[in-house]
Amino acid sequence: MAKQLQLAAQTRATAGRTAVKKIKAQGLVPAVIYGAQQEALNLQVNAREFHTLLAHATGEHLLVELQIADGSATSSRLALIQEVQHHPIRGSVLHIDFHAVSADEQINAEIPVEAVGEPTGVKNFGGILEVSLHSLMVACLPKDLPELIQVDVSKLNVGDSIHVRDLQLPEGVTIKADADLAVLRVAPPTVAVDPVAGATDQPEVIKEKKDDADKK
């Protein structure tokens, strides 16, 4: 189950490029929260606090409890981090989308896949562990949301695969993907063939000598 994370936020009445520049100059990140049959609300959160939150998480699709300050009043809203926009070069956070949810409402979230252990086929036979799906979309109640989907790969031999249908999930969690999709597999080792010394790619051409009688 994912840890219950808390994040402070404040409402913001202004929008637009100029307002966003002022917000960022104060070390804040613009955000919006929507969903749960409520009107969208513009927010701002502390950039450093948000970076710290992400640094201690396994992914960006996190369930958080937002403590939203609106003037002198503060309210608490459960939300899923739906999307985080990053600067293409610096990597800094430009904008955050929060999707408000209810405790009794089923949610969809993308959860990272983590391989656990060293496959037999890799350790003993030089195979290569290939991860086909680095994350999977799951459906569950907020209280059941896993932080990771851990997959024990220690028994995999060369040629073995683990499919979606093979995954062991916590109770109440279902995967929204084709059951036959391969998640991980151990591929055969790649063997480099050394060229034989003196060999060439081109066939040898033998020229036949002409008889002396043919010479003028």
C-alpha atoms as a PDB file:
ATOM      1  CA  MET A   1       0.000   0.000   0.000  1.00  0.00           C
ATOM      2  CA  ALA A   2       1.251   3.494  -0.826  1.00  0.00           C
ATOM      3  CA  LYS A   3       2.265   5.711   2.040  1.00  0.00           C
ATOM      4  CA  GLN A   4      -0.152   8.488   2.998  1.00  0.00           C
ATOM      5  CA  LEU A   5       1.650  11.686   1.966  1.00  0.00           C
ATOM      6  CA  GLN A   6       0.719  15.209   2.961  1.00  0.00           C
ATOM      7  CA  LEU A   7       1.420  18.343   0.954  1.00  0.00           C
ATOM      8  CA  ALA A   8       0.629  21.963   1.769  1.00  0.00           C
ATOM      9  CA  ALA A   9      -1.008  24.123  -0.923  1.00  0.00           C
ATOM     10  CA  GLN A  10      -2.611  27.546  -1.219  1.00  0.00           C
ATOM     11  CA  THR A  11      -5.371  28.766  -3.466  1.00  0.00           C
ATOM     12  CA  ARG A  12      -4.477  31.360  -6.106  1.00  0.00           C
ATOM     13  CA  ALA A  13      -6.884  33.783  -7.696  1.00  0.00           C
ATOM     14  CA  THR A  14      -4.659  34.928 -10.560  1.00  0.00           C
ATOM     15  CA  ALA A  15      -3.754  33.039 -13.727  1.00  0.00           C
ATOM     16  CA  GLY A  16      -1.862  33.772 -16.929  1.00  0.00           C
ATOM     17  CA  ARG A  17       1.799  33.998 -17.895  1.00  0.00           C
ATOM     18  CA  THR A  18       2.609  37.092 -15.827  1.00  0.00           C
ATOM     19  CA  ALA A  19       1.016  35.644 -12.697  1.00  0.00           C
ATOM     20  CA  VAL A  20       2.868  32.351 -13.176  1.00  0.00           C
ATOM     21  CA  LYS A  21       6.215  34.185 -13.423  1.00  0.00           C
ATOM     22  CA  LYS A  22       5.515  35.960 -10.127  1.00  0.00           C
ATOM     23  CA  ILE A  23       4.580  32.682  -8.469  1.00  0.00           C
ATOM     24  CA  LYS A  24       7.767  30.957  -9.645  1.00  0.00           C
ATOM     25  CA  ALA A  25       9.869  33.910  -8.484  1.00  0.00           C
ATOM     26  CA  GLN A  26       8.565  33.171  -4.971  1.00  0.00           C
ATOM     27  CA  GLY A  27       9.700  29.533  -5.144  1.00  0.00           C
ATOM     28  CA  LEU A  28       6.196  28.228  -5.851  1.00  0.00           C
ATOM     29  CA  VAL A  29       4.755  25.974  -8.557  1.00  0.00           C
ATOM     30  CA  PRO A  30       1.328  26.570 -10.155  1.00  0.00           C
ATOM     31  CA  ALA A  31      -1.121  23.697  -9.890  1.00  0.00           C
ATOM     32  CA  VAL A  32      -4.767  22.822 -10.376  1.00  0.00           C
ATOM     33  CA  ILE A  33      -7.070  20.328  -8.676  1.00  0.00           C
ATOM     34  CA  TYR A  34     -10.166  18.945 -10.386  1.00  0.00           C
ATOM     35  CA  GLY A  35     -12.504  15.971 -10.240  1.00  0.00           C
ATOM     36  CA  ALA A  36     -14.756  14.424  -7.573  1.00  0.00           C
ATOM     37  CA  GLN A  37     -17.671  16.378  -9.070  1.00  0.00           C
ATOM     38  CA  GLN A  38     -16.180  19.695  -7.935  1.00  0.00           C
ATOM     39  CA  GLU A  39     -15.110  22.767  -9.863  1.00  0.00           C
ATOM     40  CA  ALA A  40     -11.450  23.075 -10.776  1.00  0.00           C
ATOM     41  CA  LEU A  41      -9.445  25.103  -8.283  1.00  0.00           C
ATOM     42  CA  ASN A  42      -6.160  26.891  -9.027  1.00  0.00           C
ATOM     43  CA  LEU A  43      -3.445  26.188  -6.478  1.00  0.00           C
ATOM     44  CA  GLN A  44       0.204  26.828  -5.767  1.00  0.00           C
ATOM     45  CA  VAL A  45       2.627  24.622  -3.855  1.00  0.00           C
ATOM     46  CA  ASN A  46       6.134  25.087  -2.521  1.00  0.00           C
ATOM     47  CA  ALA A  47       8.592  23.911  -5.196  1.00  0.00           C
ATOM     48  CA  ARG A  48      11.171  22.617  -2.720  1.00  0.00           C
ATOM     49  CA  GLU A  49       8.585  20.668  -0.714  1.00  0.00           C
ATOM     50  CA  PHE A  50       7.219  19.084  -3.885  1.00  0.00           C
ATOM     51  CA  HIS A  51      10.697  18.097  -5.118  1.00  0.00           C
ATOM     52  CA  THR A  52      11.385  16.499  -1.717  1.00  0.00           C
ATOM     53  CA  LEU A  53       8.139  14.567  -1.957  1.00  0.00           C
ATOM     54  CA  LEU A  54       9.045  13.215  -5.403  1.00  0.00           C
ATOM     55  CA  ALA A  55      12.612  12.407  -4.337  1.00  0.00           C
ATOM     56  CA  HIS A  56      11.326   9.969  -1.707  1.00  0.00           C
ATOM     57  CA  ALA A  57       8.777   8.332  -4.018  1.00  0.00           C
ATOM     58  CA  THR A  58       9.091   5.570  -6.614  1.00  0.00           C
ATOM     59  CA  GLY A  59       7.012   7.425  -9.222  1.00  0.00           C
ATOM     60  CA  GLU A  60       5.043  10.598  -9.862  1.00  0.00           C
ATOM     61  CA  HIS A  61       1.514   9.152  -9.738  1.00  0.00           C
ATOM     62  CA  LEU A  62       1.175   9.545  -5.979  1.00  0.00           C
ATOM     63  CA  LEU A  63      -1.801   9.734  -3.675  1.00  0.00           C
ATOM     64  CA  VAL A  64      -1.513  12.811  -1.448  1.00  0.00           C
ATOM     65  CA  GLU A  65      -3.561  14.552   1.186  1.00  0.00           C
ATOM     66  CA  LEU A  66      -3.569  18.221   0.217  1.00  0.00           C
ATOM     67  CA  GLN A  67      -3.811  20.727   3.049  1.00  0.00           C
ATOM     68  CA  ILE A  68      -5.277  23.669   1.115  1.00  0.00           C
ATOM     69  CA  ALA A  69      -5.080  27.098   2.716  1.00  0.00           C
ATOM     70  CA  ASP A  70      -7.658  29.611   1.504  1.00  0.00           C
ATOM     71  CA  GLY A  71      -7.173  32.801   3.464  1.00  0.00           C
ATOM     72  CA  SER A  72      -7.546  31.895   7.129  1.00  0.00           C
ATOM     73  CA  ALA A  73      -9.340  28.605   6.409  1.00  0.00           C
ATOM     74  CA  THR A  74      -7.684  25.261   5.663  1.00  0.00           C
ATOM     75  CA  SER A  75      -9.326  22.224   4.122  1.00  0.00           C
ATOM     76  CA  SER A  76      -8.075  18.704   3.437  1.00  0.00           C
ATOM     77  CA  ARG A  77      -8.609  16.976   0.072  1.00  0.00           C
ATOM     78  CA  LEU A  78      -7.442  13.571  -1.076  1.00  0.00           C
ATOM     79  CA  ALA A  79      -5.909  13.726  -4.551  1.00  0.00           C
ATOM     80  CA  LEU A  80      -3.878  11.744  -7.033  1.00  0.00           C
ATOM     81  CA  ILE A  81      -0.971  13.466  -8.757  1.00  0.00           C
ATOM     82  CA  GLN A  82      -2.279  13.072 -12.299  1.00  0.00           C
ATOM     83  CA  GLU A  83       0.410  14.867 -14.305  1.00  0.00           C
ATOM     84  CA  VAL A  84       3.662  16.714 -13.633  1.00  0.00           C
ATOM     85  CA  GLN A  85       5.018  18.983 -16.361  1.00  0.00           C
ATOM     86  CA  HIS A  86       8.814  19.373 -16.372  1.00  0.00           C
ATOM     87  CA  HIS A  87      11.078  21.871 -18.084  1.00  0.00           C
ATOM     88  CA  PRO A  88      12.552  20.024 -21.116  1.00  0.00           C
ATOM     89  CA  ILE A  89      16.138  21.065 -20.303  1.00  0.00           C
ATOM     90  CA  ARG A  90      16.412  21.969 -16.612  1.00  0.00           C
ATOM     91  CA  GLY A  91      13.947  19.303 -15.444  1.00  0.00           C
ATOM     92  CA  SER A  92      12.307  21.702 -12.991  1.00  0.00           C
ATOM     93  CA  VAL A  93       8.568  21.325 -12.318  1.00  0.00           C
ATOM     94  CA  LEU A  94       6.441  23.731 -14.369  1.00  0.00           C
ATOM     95  CA  HIS A  95       2.904  22.677 -13.428  1.00  0.00           C
ATOM     96  CA  ILE A  96       1.061  20.005 -11.435  1.00  0.00           C
ATOM     97  CA  ASP A  97      -2.355  18.467 -12.069  1.00  0.00           C
ATOM     98  CA  PHE A  98      -4.106  16.952  -9.046  1.00  0.00           C
ATOM     99  CA  HIS A  99      -7.144  14.720  -9.492  1.00  0.00           C
ATOM    100  CA  ALA A 100      -9.400  14.876  -6.429  1.00  0.00           C
ATOM    101  CA  VAL A 101     -10.735  11.493  -5.311  1.00  0.00           C
ATOM    102  CA  SER A 102     -13.012  10.118  -2.624  1.00  0.00           C
ATOM    103  CA  ALA A 103     -11.953   7.439  -0.164  1.00  0.00           C
ATOM    104  CA  ASP A 104     -14.693   5.117  -1.454  1.00  0.00           C
ATOM    105  CA  GLU A 105     -14.069   5.859  -5.164  1.00  0.00           C
ATOM    106  CA  GLN A 106     -12.065   3.448  -7.320  1.00  0.00           C
ATOM    107  CA  ILE A 107      -9.104   5.171  -8.940  1.00  0.00           C
ATOM    108  CA  ASN A 108      -6.760   4.370 -11.831  1.00  0.00           C
ATOM    109  CA  ALA A 109      -3.046   4.937 -11.393  1.00  0.00           C
ATOM    110  CA  GLU A 110       0.185   3.954 -13.136  1.00  0.00           C
ATOM    111  CA  ILE A 111       2.438   2.005 -10.779  1.00  0.00           C
ATOM    112  CA  PRO A 112       6.150   1.224 -11.374  1.00  0.00           C
ATOM    113  CA  VAL A 113       7.286  -2.385 -11.830  1.00  0.00           C
ATOM    114  CA  GLU A 114      10.363  -3.491  -9.847  1.00  0.00           C
ATOM    115  CA  ALA A 115      12.268  -6.734 -10.427  1.00  0.00           C
ATOM    116  CA  VAL A 116      13.428  -8.410  -7.202  1.00  0.00           C
ATOM    117  CA  GLY A 117      16.308 -10.887  -7.097  1.00  0.00           C
ATOM    118  CA  GLU A 118      18.792 -12.146  -9.688  1.00  0.00           C
ATOM    119  CA  PRO A 119      17.434 -14.630 -12.240  1.00  0.00           C
ATOM    120  CA  THR A 120      19.057 -18.085 -12.377  1.00  0.00           C
ATOM    121  CA  GLY A 121      19.406 -17.664 -16.129  1.00  0.00           C
ATOM    122  CA  VAL A 122      21.403 -14.471 -15.654  1.00  0.00           C
ATOM    123  CA  LYS A 123      23.553 -15.666 -12.756  1.00  0.00           C
ATOM    124  CA  ASN A 124      24.459 -19.114 -14.088  1.00  0.00           C
ATOM    125  CA  PHE A 125      24.018 -18.964 -17.856  1.00  0.00           C
ATOM    126  CA  GLY A 126      24.798 -15.374 -18.868  1.00  0.00           C
ATOM    127  CA  GLY A 127      21.233 -14.479 -19.850  1.00  0.00           C
ATOM    128  CA  ILE A 128      19.944 -10.915 -20.001  1.00  0.00           C
ATOM    129  CA  LEU A 129      16.955  -9.707 -17.973  1.00  0.00           C
ATOM    130  CA  GLU A 130      14.687  -7.635 -20.214  1.00  0.00           C
ATOM    131  CA  VAL A 131      11.887  -5.481 -18.786  1.00  0.00           C
ATOM    132  CA  SER A 132       9.114  -4.994 -21.326  1.00  0.00           C
ATOM    133  CA  LEU A 133       6.718  -3.059 -19.061  1.00  0.00           C
ATOM    134  CA  HIS A 134       8.277  -0.605 -16.618  1.00  0.00           C
ATOM    135  CA  SER A 135       4.882   0.381 -15.179  1.00  0.00           C
ATOM    136  CA  LEU A 136       1.291  -0.873 -15.191  1.00  0.00           C
ATOM    137  CA  MET A 137      -2.089   0.815 -14.859  1.00  0.00           C
ATOM    138  CA  VAL A 138      -4.037  -0.488 -11.865  1.00  0.00           C
ATOM    139  CA  ALA A 139      -7.535   0.082 -10.504  1.00  0.00           C
ATOM    140  CA  CYS A 140      -8.321   0.068  -6.785  1.00  0.00           C
ATOM    141  CA  LEU A 141      -9.624   2.101  -3.858  1.00  0.00           C
ATOM    142  CA  PRO A 142      -7.249   4.816  -2.578  1.00  0.00           C
ATOM    143  CA  LYS A 143      -6.489   2.843   0.600  1.00  0.00           C
ATOM    144  CA  ASP A 144      -5.323  -0.154  -1.462  1.00  0.00           C
ATOM    145  CA  LEU A 145      -3.066   1.747  -3.903  1.00  0.00           C
ATOM    146  CA  PRO A 146       0.341   0.000  -4.023  1.00  0.00           C
ATOM    147  CA  GLU A 147       3.558   1.984  -4.152  1.00  0.00           C
ATOM    148  CA  LEU A 148       5.298  -0.633  -6.316  1.00  0.00           C
ATOM    149  CA  ILE A 149       4.533  -3.825  -8.188  1.00  0.00           C
ATOM    150  CA  GLN A 150       7.407  -6.067  -7.104  1.00  0.00           C
ATOM    151  CA  VAL A 151       8.157  -9.144  -9.202  1.00  0.00           C
ATOM    152  CA  ASP A 152      10.365 -11.984  -7.933  1.00  0.00           C
ATOM    153  CA  VAL A 153      12.551 -12.984 -10.887  1.00  0.00           C
ATOM    154  CA  SER A 154      15.049 -15.202  -9.041  1.00  0.00           C
ATOM    155  CA  LYS A 155      13.684 -18.474 -10.482  1.00  0.00           C
ATOM    156  CA  LEU A 156      13.642 -17.364 -14.120  1.00  0.00           C
ATOM    157  CA  ASN A 157      15.866 -19.339 -16.467  1.00  0.00           C
ATOM    158  CA  VAL A 158      16.925 -18.417 -20.001  1.00  0.00           C
ATOM    159  CA  GLY A 159      13.800 -18.181 -22.151  1.00  0.00           C
ATOM    160  CA  ASP A 160      11.413 -17.824 -19.192  1.00  0.00           C
ATOM    161  CA  SER A 161       8.917 -14.940 -19.017  1.00  0.00           C
ATOM    162  CA  ILE A 162       6.554 -13.418 -16.470  1.00  0.00           C
ATOM    163  CA  HIS A 163       3.240 -12.225 -17.869  1.00  0.00           C
ATOM    164  CA  VAL A 164       0.609  -9.918 -16.448  1.00  0.00           C
ATOM    165  CA  ARG A 165      -1.486 -12.948 -15.445  1.00  0.00           C
ATOM    166  CA  ASP A 166       1.396 -14.236 -13.285  1.00  0.00           C
ATOM    167  CA  LEU A 167       1.678 -11.151 -11.069  1.00  0.00           C
ATOM    168  CA  GLN A 168       0.747 -11.394  -7.403  1.00  0.00           C
ATOM    169  CA  LEU A 169      -1.203  -8.283  -6.408  1.00  0.00           C
ATOM    170  CA  PRO A 170      -2.583  -7.047  -3.090  1.00  0.00           C
ATOM    171  CA  GLU A 171      -6.246  -7.743  -2.440  1.00  0.00           C
ATOM    172  CA  GLY A 172      -8.520  -5.207  -4.091  1.00  0.00           C
ATOM    173  CA  VAL A 173      -6.013  -4.282  -6.826  1.00  0.00           C
ATOM    174  CA  THR A 174      -6.538  -5.215 -10.470  1.00  0.00           C
ATOM    175  CA  ILE A 175      -4.339  -4.535 -13.500  1.00  0.00           C
ATOM    176  CA  LYS A 176      -5.878  -2.837 -16.531  1.00  0.00           C
ATOM    177  CA  ALA A 177      -3.799  -4.607 -19.183  1.00  0.00           C
ATOM    178  CA  ASP A 178      -3.936  -7.702 -21.369  1.00  0.00           C
ATOM    179  CA  ALA A 179      -3.216 -10.762 -19.204  1.00  0.00           C
ATOM    180  CA  ASP A 180      -0.990 -12.257 -21.937  1.00  0.00           C
ATOM    181  CA  LEU A 181       1.420  -9.311 -22.081  1.00  0.00           C
ATOM    182  CA  ALA A 182       4.990 -10.174 -21.064  1.00  0.00           C
ATOM    183  CA  VAL A 183       6.298  -7.996 -18.242  1.00  0.00           C
ATOM    184  CA  LEU A 184       9.824  -9.422 -17.920  1.00  0.00           C
ATOM    185  CA  ARG A 185      11.855 -12.168 -19.579  1.00  0.00           C
ATOM    186  CA  VAL A 186      15.339 -13.611 -19.534  1.00  0.00           C
ATOM    187  CA  ALA A 187      16.795 -13.462 -23.024  1.00  0.00           C
ATOM    188  CA  PRO A 188      19.626 -15.715 -24.257  1.00  0.00           C
ATOM    189  CA  PRO A 189      23.158 -14.313 -23.917  1.00  0.00           C
ATOM    190  CA  THR A 190      24.612 -12.371 -26.792  1.00  0.00           C
ATOM    191  CA  VAL A 191      27.734 -14.139 -28.055  1.00  0.00           C
ATOM    192  CA  ALA A 192      30.270 -12.242 -30.134  1.00  0.00           C
ATOM    193  CA  VAL A 193      31.961 -14.428 -32.775  1.00  0.00           C
ATOM    194  CA  ASP A 194      35.665 -13.613 -33.197  1.00  0.00           C
ATOM    195  CA  PRO A 195      36.851 -13.631 -36.805  1.00  0.00           C
ATOM    196  CA  VAL A 196      39.385 -16.317 -37.728  1.00  0.00           C
ATOM    197  CA  ALA A 197      42.863 -14.881 -38.030  1.00  0.00           C
ATOM    198  CA  GLY A 198      43.753 -14.192 -41.639  1.00  0.00           C
ATOM    199  CA  ALA A 199      40.228 -14.769 -42.902  1.00  0.00           C
ATOM    200  CA  THR A 200      38.604 -12.226 -45.171  1.00  0.00           C
ATOM    201  CA  ASP A 201      35.028 -11.536 -46.111  1.00  0.00           C
ATOM    202  CA  GLN A 202      35.823 -11.861 -49.832  1.00  0.00           C
ATOM    203  CA  PRO A 203      36.449 -15.256 -51.538  1.00  0.00           C
ATOM    204  CA  GLU A 204      39.932 -15.871 -52.833  1.00  0.00           C
ATOM    205  CA  VAL A 205      40.317 -15.401 -56.592  1.00  0.00           C
ATOM    206  CA  ILE A 206      42.821 -17.687 -58.302  1.00  0.00           C
ATOM    207  CA  LYS A 207      44.105 -16.386 -61.632  1.00  0.00           C
ATOM    208  CA  GLU A 208      45.131 -18.992 -64.154  1.00  0.00           C
ATOM    209  CA  LYS A 209      48.537 -18.427 -65.784  1.00  0.00           C
ATOM    210  CA  LYS A 210      48.657 -18.184 -69.560  1.00  0.00           C
ATOM    211  CA  ASP A 211      50.812 -20.568 -71.511  1.00  0.00           C
ATOM    212  CA  ASP A 212      54.074 -19.159 -72.878  1.00  0.00           C
ATOM    213  CA  ALA A 213      52.784 -20.036 -76.324  1.00  0.00           C
ATOM    214  CA  ASP A 214      50.039 -17.507 -75.964  1.00  0.00           C
ATOM    215  CA  LYS A 215      52.513 -14.775 -75.303  1.00  0.00           C
ATOM    216  CA  LYS A 216      53.609 -12.759 -78.246  1.00  0.00           C
END
